[in-house]
Amino acid sequence: MKPAQKTTTNGRTLKNVYTLLKRTGKGAYLAANTGYRAGYFMAKHPELENARTHLQKNYKVGLFAIAGIILGIMAFLMMKK
């Protein structure tokens, strides 16, 4: 494919295939990095496996955590507009 040709993906116009591969690579890198960090955090804190029993005993903590996540998502969406 010539660099002058344009490829359309999800409504975005990309100048060449290199740009498409570069964007795909950034997404794959971000996903791999996030997975590595989550795995490292779980290995560093082995008590996370007991989180289920803690949440069953103190269900209000789980409800507050879910409410905080929902409020964070709503704030992010409102800032985007």
PDB file of N, CA and C in Angstrom:
ATOM      1  N   MET A   1       0.848  -1.173   0.000  1.00  0.00           N
ATOM      2  CA  MET A   1       0.000   0.000   0.000  1.00  0.00           C
ATOM      3  C   MET A   1       0.892   1.234   0.000  1.00  0.00           C
ATOM      4  N   LYS A   2       0.561   2.185  -0.831  1.00  0.00           N
ATOM      5  CA  LYS A   2       1.351   3.405  -0.921  1.00  0.00           C
ATOM      6  C   LYS A   2       1.060   4.306   0.277  1.00  0.00           C
ATOM      7  N   PRO A   3       2.059   5.047   0.726  1.00  0.00           N
ATOM      8  CA  PRO A   3       1.822   5.950   1.857  1.00  0.00           C
ATOM      9  C   PRO A   3       0.793   7.034   1.568  1.00  0.00           C
ATOM     10  N   ALA A   4       0.616   7.372   0.303  1.00  0.00           N
ATOM     11  CA  ALA A   4      -0.328   8.438  -0.039  1.00  0.00           C
ATOM     12  C   ALA A   4      -1.775   7.968   0.066  1.00  0.00           C
ATOM     13  N   GLN A   5      -1.994   6.652   0.011  1.00  0.00           N
ATOM     14  CA  GLN A   5      -3.356   6.143   0.108  1.00  0.00           C
ATOM     15  C   GLN A   5      -3.872   6.300   1.528  1.00  0.00           C
ATOM     16  N   LYS A   6      -5.163   6.421   1.635  1.00  0.00           N
ATOM     17  CA  LYS A   6      -5.760   6.623   2.952  1.00  0.00           C
ATOM     18  C   LYS A   6      -6.615   5.420   3.329  1.00  0.00           C
ATOM     19  N   THR A   7      -6.549   5.044   4.584  1.00  0.00           N
ATOM     20  CA  THR A   7      -7.336   3.944   5.112  1.00  0.00           C
ATOM     21  C   THR A   7      -8.285   4.503   6.152  1.00  0.00           C
ATOM     22  N   THR A   8      -9.537   4.069   6.128  1.00  0.00           N
ATOM     23  CA  THR A   8     -10.507   4.562   7.091  1.00  0.00           C
ATOM     24  C   THR A   8     -10.813   3.464   8.099  1.00  0.00           C
ATOM     25  N   THR A   9     -10.701   3.798   9.388  1.00  0.00           N
ATOM     26  CA  THR A   9     -11.000   2.869  10.461  1.00  0.00           C
ATOM     27  C   THR A   9     -11.796   3.601  11.520  1.00  0.00           C
ATOM     28  N   ASN A  10     -13.009   3.139  11.769  1.00  0.00           N
ATOM     29  CA  ASN A  10     -13.881   3.735  12.789  1.00  0.00           C
ATOM     30  C   ASN A  10     -14.069   5.235  12.581  1.00  0.00           C
ATOM     31  N   GLY A  11     -14.184   5.647  11.342  1.00  0.00           N
ATOM     32  CA  GLY A  11     -14.425   7.051  11.061  1.00  0.00           C
ATOM     33  C   GLY A  11     -13.184   7.914  11.085  1.00  0.00           C
ATOM     34  N   ARG A  12     -12.043   7.356  11.380  1.00  0.00           N
ATOM     35  CA  ARG A  12     -10.800   8.124  11.398  1.00  0.00           C
ATOM     36  C   ARG A  12     -10.025   7.856  10.118  1.00  0.00           C
ATOM     37  N   THR A  13      -9.457   8.874   9.563  1.00  0.00           N
ATOM     38  CA  THR A  13      -8.670   8.711   8.358  1.00  0.00           C
ATOM     39  C   THR A  13      -7.204   8.610   8.743  1.00  0.00           C
ATOM     40  N   LEU A  14      -6.591   7.530   8.336  1.00  0.00           N
ATOM     41  CA  LEU A  14      -5.186   7.298   8.650  1.00  0.00           C
ATOM     42  C   LEU A  14      -4.364   7.487   7.382  1.00  0.00           C
ATOM     43  N   LYS A  15      -3.197   8.084   7.508  1.00  0.00           N
ATOM     44  CA  LYS A  15      -2.396   8.392   6.332  1.00  0.00           C
ATOM     45  C   LYS A  15      -1.793   7.144   5.707  1.00  0.00           C
ATOM     46  N   ASN A  16      -1.378   6.189   6.517  1.00  0.00           N
ATOM     47  CA  ASN A  16      -0.802   4.970   5.958  1.00  0.00           C
ATOM     48  C   ASN A  16      -0.942   3.823   6.951  1.00  0.00           C
ATOM     49  N   VAL A  17      -0.484   2.667   6.541  1.00  0.00           N
ATOM     50  CA  VAL A  17      -0.619   1.469   7.365  1.00  0.00           C
ATOM     51  C   VAL A  17       0.247   1.578   8.621  1.00  0.00           C
ATOM     52  N   TYR A  18       1.364   2.278   8.517  1.00  0.00           N
ATOM     53  CA  TYR A  18       2.251   2.440   9.674  1.00  0.00           C
ATOM     54  C   TYR A  18       1.523   3.108  10.835  1.00  0.00           C
ATOM     55  N   THR A  19       0.739   4.119  10.534  1.00  0.00           N
ATOM     56  CA  THR A  19      -0.006   4.814  11.583  1.00  0.00           C
ATOM     57  C   THR A  19      -1.010   3.868  12.232  1.00  0.00           C
ATOM     58  N   LEU A  20      -1.666   3.042  11.420  1.00  0.00           N
ATOM     59  CA  LEU A  20      -2.621   2.070  11.954  1.00  0.00           C
ATOM     60  C   LEU A  20      -1.919   1.086  12.889  1.00  0.00           C
ATOM     61  N   LEU A  21      -0.781   0.557  12.452  1.00  0.00           N
ATOM     62  CA  LEU A  21      -0.042  -0.393  13.282  1.00  0.00           C
ATOM     63  C   LEU A  21       0.501   0.276  14.539  1.00  0.00           C
ATOM     64  N   LYS A  22       0.890   1.528  14.423  1.00  0.00           N
ATOM     65  CA  LYS A  22       1.398   2.262  15.585  1.00  0.00           C
ATOM     66  C   LYS A  22       0.311   2.432  16.639  1.00  0.00           C
ATOM     67  N   ARG A  23      -0.898   2.786  16.203  1.00  0.00           N
ATOM     68  CA  ARG A  23      -2.007   2.946  17.149  1.00  0.00           C
ATOM     69  C   ARG A  23      -2.408   1.610  17.765  1.00  0.00           C
ATOM     70  N   THR A  24      -2.410   0.563  16.956  1.00  0.00           N
ATOM     71  CA  THR A  24      -2.734  -0.764  17.473  1.00  0.00           C
ATOM     72  C   THR A  24      -1.686  -1.210  18.488  1.00  0.00           C
ATOM     73  N   GLY A  25      -0.432  -0.935  18.196  1.00  0.00           N
ATOM     74  CA  GLY A  25       0.651  -1.299  19.108  1.00  0.00           C
ATOM     75  C   GLY A  25       0.548  -0.575  20.438  1.00  0.00           C
ATOM     76  N   LYS A  26       0.143   0.687  20.407  1.00  0.00           N
ATOM     77  CA  LYS A  26      -0.021   1.437  21.654  1.00  0.00           C
ATOM     78  C   LYS A  26      -1.124   0.829  22.511  1.00  0.00           C
ATOM     79  N   GLY A  27      -2.215   0.408  21.875  1.00  0.00           N
ATOM     80  CA  GLY A  27      -3.306  -0.229  22.618  1.00  0.00           C
ATOM     81  C   GLY A  27      -2.876  -1.552  23.223  1.00  0.00           C
ATOM     82  N   ALA A  28      -2.139  -2.354  22.447  1.00  0.00           N
ATOM     83  CA  ALA A  28      -1.659  -3.640  22.954  1.00  0.00           C
ATOM     84  C   ALA A  28      -0.660  -3.429  24.086  1.00  0.00           C
ATOM     85  N   TYR A  29       0.200  -2.423  23.946  1.00  0.00           N
ATOM     86  CA  TYR A  29       1.169  -2.115  25.003  1.00  0.00           C
ATOM     87  C   TYR A  29       0.457  -1.696  26.279  1.00  0.00           C
ATOM     88  N   LEU A  30      -0.560  -0.855  26.147  1.00  0.00           N
ATOM     89  CA  LEU A  30      -1.312  -0.399  27.317  1.00  0.00           C
ATOM     90  C   LEU A  30      -2.008  -1.572  28.003  1.00  0.00           C
ATOM     91  N   ALA A  31      -2.618  -2.473  27.210  1.00  0.00           N
ATOM     92  CA  ALA A  31      -3.306  -3.629  27.788  1.00  0.00           C
ATOM     93  C   ALA A  31      -2.317  -4.554  28.502  1.00  0.00           C
ATOM     94  N   ALA A  32      -1.162  -4.802  27.887  1.00  0.00           N
ATOM     95  CA  ALA A  32      -0.166  -5.676  28.506  1.00  0.00           C
ATOM     96  C   ALA A  32       0.393  -5.053  29.778  1.00  0.00           C
ATOM     97  N   ASN A  33       0.638  -3.758  29.740  1.00  0.00           N
ATOM     98  CA  ASN A  33       1.180  -3.066  30.909  1.00  0.00           C
ATOM     99  C   ASN A  33       0.178  -3.072  32.059  1.00  0.00           C
ATOM    100  N   THR A  34      -1.092  -2.851  31.746  1.00  0.00           N
ATOM    101  CA  THR A  34      -2.126  -2.862  32.779  1.00  0.00           C
ATOM    102  C   THR A  34      -2.265  -4.253  33.395  1.00  0.00           C
ATOM    103  N   GLY A  35      -2.249  -5.281  32.554  1.00  0.00           N
ATOM    104  CA  GLY A  35      -2.328  -6.653  33.062  1.00  0.00           C
ATOM    105  C   GLY A  35      -1.141  -7.013  33.940  1.00  0.00           C
ATOM    106  N   TYR A  36       0.043  -6.570  33.534  1.00  0.00           N
ATOM    107  CA  TYR A  36       1.243  -6.839  34.333  1.00  0.00           C
ATOM    108  C   TYR A  36       1.150  -6.155  35.690  1.00  0.00           C
ATOM    109  N   ARG A  37       0.719  -4.902  35.694  1.00  0.00           N
ATOM    110  CA  ARG A  37       0.616  -4.169  36.959  1.00  0.00           C
ATOM    111  C   ARG A  37      -0.428  -4.794  37.880  1.00  0.00           C
ATOM    112  N   ALA A  38      -1.550  -5.234  37.303  1.00  0.00           N
ATOM    113  CA  ALA A  38      -2.583  -5.867  38.128  1.00  0.00           C
ATOM    114  C   ALA A  38      -2.060  -7.171  38.722  1.00  0.00           C
ATOM    115  N   GLY A  39      -1.364  -7.966  37.915  1.00  0.00           N
ATOM    116  CA  GLY A  39      -0.798  -9.222  38.409  1.00  0.00           C
ATOM    117  C   GLY A  39       0.258  -8.998  39.478  1.00  0.00           C
ATOM    118  N   TYR A  40       1.089  -7.987  39.273  1.00  0.00           N
ATOM    119  CA  TYR A  40       2.122  -7.659  40.264  1.00  0.00           C
ATOM    120  C   TYR A  40       1.487  -7.217  41.574  1.00  0.00           C
ATOM    121  N   PHE A  41       0.442  -6.405  41.487  1.00  0.00           N
ATOM    122  CA  PHE A  41      -0.251  -5.929  42.681  1.00  0.00           C
ATOM    123  C   PHE A  41      -0.887  -7.087  43.431  1.00  0.00           C
ATOM    124  N   MET A  42      -1.499  -8.036  42.683  1.00  0.00           N
ATOM    125  CA  MET A  42      -2.138  -9.185  43.333  1.00  0.00           C
ATOM    126  C   MET A  42      -1.084 -10.082  43.988  1.00  0.00           C
ATOM    127  N   ALA A  43       0.090 -10.213  43.360  1.00  0.00           N
ATOM    128  CA  ALA A  43       1.142 -11.037  43.951  1.00  0.00           C
ATOM    129  C   ALA A  43       1.749 -10.358  45.176  1.00  0.00           C
ATOM    130  N   LYS A  44       1.808  -9.038  45.139  1.00  0.00           N
ATOM    131  CA  LYS A  44       2.392  -8.296  46.257  1.00  0.00           C
ATOM    132  C   LYS A  44       1.458  -8.279  47.464  1.00  0.00           C
ATOM    133  N   HIS A  45       0.163  -8.349  47.218  1.00  0.00           N
ATOM    134  CA  HIS A  45      -0.834  -8.314  48.287  1.00  0.00           C
ATOM    135  C   HIS A  45      -1.661  -9.602  48.260  1.00  0.00           C
ATOM    136  N   PRO A  46      -1.164 -10.685  48.854  1.00  0.00           N
ATOM    137  CA  PRO A  46      -1.873 -11.966  48.778  1.00  0.00           C
ATOM    138  C   PRO A  46      -3.194 -11.989  49.541  1.00  0.00           C
ATOM    139  N   GLU A  47      -3.430 -11.002  50.386  1.00  0.00           N
ATOM    140  CA  GLU A  47      -4.681 -10.991  51.143  1.00  0.00           C
ATOM    141  C   GLU A  47      -5.878 -10.601  50.284  1.00  0.00           C
ATOM    142  N   LEU A  48      -5.638 -10.219  49.035  1.00  0.00           N
ATOM    143  CA  LEU A  48      -6.757  -9.884  48.159  1.00  0.00           C
ATOM    144  C   LEU A  48      -7.646 -11.095  47.898  1.00  0.00           C
ATOM    145  N   GLU A  49      -7.076 -12.295  48.043  1.00  0.00           N
ATOM    146  CA  GLU A  49      -7.881 -13.499  47.864  1.00  0.00           C
ATOM    147  C   GLU A  49      -8.941 -13.612  48.954  1.00  0.00           C
ATOM    148  N   ASN A  50      -8.674 -13.014  50.096  1.00  0.00           N
ATOM    149  CA  ASN A  50      -9.631 -13.047  51.199  1.00  0.00           C
ATOM    150  C   ASN A  50     -10.614 -11.884  51.136  1.00  0.00           C
ATOM    151  N   ALA A  51     -10.560 -11.107  50.073  1.00  0.00           N
ATOM    152  CA  ALA A  51     -11.426  -9.925  49.969  1.00  0.00           C
ATOM    153  C   ALA A  51     -12.901 -10.320  49.943  1.00  0.00           C
ATOM    154  N   ARG A  52     -13.200 -11.473  49.371  1.00  0.00           N
ATOM    155  CA  ARG A  52     -14.604 -11.900  49.290  1.00  0.00           C
ATOM    156  C   ARG A  52     -15.196 -12.094  50.687  1.00  0.00           C
ATOM    157  N   THR A  53     -14.454 -12.739  51.558  1.00  0.00           N
ATOM    158  CA  THR A  53     -14.973 -12.951  52.915  1.00  0.00           C
ATOM    159  C   THR A  53     -15.093 -11.631  53.662  1.00  0.00           C
ATOM    160  N   HIS A  54     -14.144 -10.717  53.428  1.00  0.00           N
ATOM    161  CA  HIS A  54     -14.224  -9.409  54.076  1.00  0.00           C
ATOM    162  C   HIS A  54     -15.441  -8.635  53.586  1.00  0.00           C
ATOM    163  N   LEU A  55     -15.716  -8.728  52.279  1.00  0.00           N
ATOM    164  CA  LEU A  55     -16.872  -8.016  51.730  1.00  0.00           C
ATOM    165  C   LEU A  55     -18.186  -8.626  52.201  1.00  0.00           C
ATOM    166  N   GLN A  56     -18.200  -9.936  52.423  1.00  0.00           N
ATOM    167  CA  GLN A  56     -19.419 -10.555  52.926  1.00  0.00           C
ATOM    168  C   GLN A  56     -19.691 -10.135  54.365  1.00  0.00           C
ATOM    169  N   LYS A  57     -18.636  -9.936  55.134  1.00  0.00           N
ATOM    170  CA  LYS A  57     -18.821  -9.493  56.517  1.00  0.00           C
ATOM    171  C   LYS A  57     -19.189  -8.015  56.586  1.00  0.00           C
ATOM    172  N   ASN A  58     -18.539  -7.199  55.762  1.00  0.00           N
ATOM    173  CA  ASN A  58     -18.773  -5.753  55.760  1.00  0.00           C
ATOM    174  C   ASN A  58     -19.291  -5.344  54.383  1.00  0.00           C
ATOM    175  N   TYR A  59     -20.551  -5.596  54.111  1.00  0.00           N
ATOM    176  CA  TYR A  59     -21.100  -5.343  52.782  1.00  0.00           C
ATOM    177  C   TYR A  59     -21.192  -3.856  52.469  1.00  0.00           C
ATOM    178  N   LYS A  60     -21.240  -3.003  53.493  1.00  0.00           N
ATOM    179  CA  LYS A  60     -21.348  -1.562  53.245  1.00  0.00           C
ATOM    180  C   LYS A  60     -20.099  -1.016  52.559  1.00  0.00           C
ATOM    181  N   VAL A  61     -18.954  -1.600  52.856  1.00  0.00           N
ATOM    182  CA  VAL A  61     -17.712  -1.161  52.222  1.00  0.00           C
ATOM    183  C   VAL A  61     -17.781  -1.412  50.720  1.00  0.00           C
ATOM    184  N   GLY A  62     -18.293  -2.570  50.329  1.00  0.00           N
ATOM    185  CA  GLY A  62     -18.456  -2.875  48.910  1.00  0.00           C
ATOM    186  C   GLY A  62     -19.422  -1.939  48.232  1.00  0.00           C
ATOM    187  N   LEU A  63     -20.513  -1.609  48.916  1.00  0.00           N
ATOM    188  CA  LEU A  63     -21.485  -0.680  48.337  1.00  0.00           C
ATOM    189  C   LEU A  63     -20.878   0.706  48.148  1.00  0.00           C
ATOM    190  N   PHE A  64     -20.090   1.160  49.121  1.00  0.00           N
ATOM    191  CA  PHE A  64     -19.430   2.461  48.984  1.00  0.00           C
ATOM    192  C   PHE A  64     -18.415   2.452  47.845  1.00  0.00           C
ATOM    193  N   ALA A  65     -17.711   1.342  47.684  1.00  0.00           N
ATOM    194  CA  ALA A  65     -16.734   1.246  46.596  1.00  0.00           C
ATOM    195  C   ALA A  65     -17.432   1.301  45.243  1.00  0.00           C
ATOM    196  N   ILE A  66     -18.532   0.576  45.103  1.00  0.00           N
ATOM    197  CA  ILE A  66     -19.283   0.594  43.842  1.00  0.00           C
ATOM    198  C   ILE A  66     -19.856   1.977  43.581  1.00  0.00           C
ATOM    199  N   ALA A  67     -20.368   2.623  44.623  1.00  0.00           N
ATOM    200  CA  ALA A  67     -20.902   3.981  44.464  1.00  0.00           C
ATOM    201  C   ALA A  67     -19.799   4.950  44.039  1.00  0.00           C
ATOM    202  N   GLY A  68     -18.612   4.802  44.588  1.00  0.00           N
ATOM    203  CA  GLY A  68     -17.491   5.657  44.206  1.00  0.00           C
ATOM    204  C   GLY A  68     -17.086   5.457  42.758  1.00  0.00           C
ATOM    205  N   ILE A  69     -17.095   4.204  42.304  1.00  0.00           N
ATOM    206  CA  ILE A  69     -16.762   3.921  40.908  1.00  0.00           C
ATOM    207  C   ILE A  69     -17.799   4.538  39.982  1.00  0.00           C
ATOM    208  N   ILE A  70     -19.073   4.390  40.331  1.00  0.00           N
ATOM    209  CA  ILE A  70     -20.147   4.953  39.502  1.00  0.00           C
ATOM    210  C   ILE A  70     -20.043   6.473  39.457  1.00  0.00           C
ATOM    211  N   LEU A  71     -19.788   7.104  40.595  1.00  0.00           N
ATOM    212  CA  LEU A  71     -19.641   8.560  40.617  1.00  0.00           C
ATOM    213  C   LEU A  71     -18.439   9.009  39.790  1.00  0.00           C
ATOM    214  N   GLY A  72     -17.364   8.262  39.842  1.00  0.00           N
ATOM    215  CA  GLY A  72     -16.187   8.592  39.039  1.00  0.00           C
ATOM    216  C   GLY A  72     -16.466   8.516  37.556  1.00  0.00           C
ATOM    217  N   ILE A  73     -17.187   7.477  37.135  1.00  0.00           N
ATOM    218  CA  ILE A  73     -17.539   7.333  35.718  1.00  0.00           C
ATOM    219  C   ILE A  73     -18.469   8.456  35.286  1.00  0.00           C
ATOM    220  N   MET A  74     -19.444   8.781  36.131  1.00  0.00           N
ATOM    221  CA  MET A  74     -20.374   9.864  35.790  1.00  0.00           C
ATOM    222  C   MET A  74     -19.641  11.201  35.681  1.00  0.00           C
ATOM    223  N   ALA A  75     -18.712  11.464  36.590  1.00  0.00           N
ATOM    224  CA  ALA A  75     -17.950  12.714  36.535  1.00  0.00           C
ATOM    225  C   ALA A  75     -17.101  12.775  35.272  1.00  0.00           C
ATOM    226  N   PHE A  76     -16.500  11.642  34.898  1.00  0.00           N
ATOM    227  CA  PHE A  76     -15.695  11.599  33.680  1.00  0.00           C
ATOM    228  C   PHE A  76     -16.548  11.880  32.452  1.00  0.00           C
ATOM    229  N   LEU A  77     -17.738  11.276  32.404  1.00  0.00           N
ATOM    230  CA  LEU A  77     -18.613  11.489  31.250  1.00  0.00           C
ATOM    231  C   LEU A  77     -19.128  12.921  31.191  1.00  0.00           C
ATOM    232  N   MET A  78     -19.384  13.521  32.344  1.00  0.00           N
ATOM    233  CA  MET A  78     -19.853  14.904  32.356  1.00  0.00           C
ATOM    234  C   MET A  78     -18.742  15.866  31.939  1.00  0.00           C
ATOM    235  N   MET A  79     -17.502  15.563  32.295  1.00  0.00           N
ATOM    236  CA  MET A  79     -16.386  16.416  31.895  1.00  0.00           C
ATOM    237  C   MET A  79     -16.120  16.312  30.406  1.00  0.00           C
ATOM    238  N   LYS A  80     -16.429  15.169  29.815  1.00  0.00           N
ATOM    239  CA  LYS A  80     -16.200  14.944  28.397  1.00  0.00           C
ATOM    240  C   LYS A  80     -17.119  15.803  27.535  1.00  0.00           C
ATOM    241  N   LYS A  81     -18.325  16.082  28.026  1.00  0.00           N
ATOM    242  CA  LYS A  81     -19.289  16.861  27.249  1.00  0.00           C
ATOM    243  C   LYS A  81     -18.893  18.265  27.210  1.00  0.00           C
TER     244      LYS A  81
END
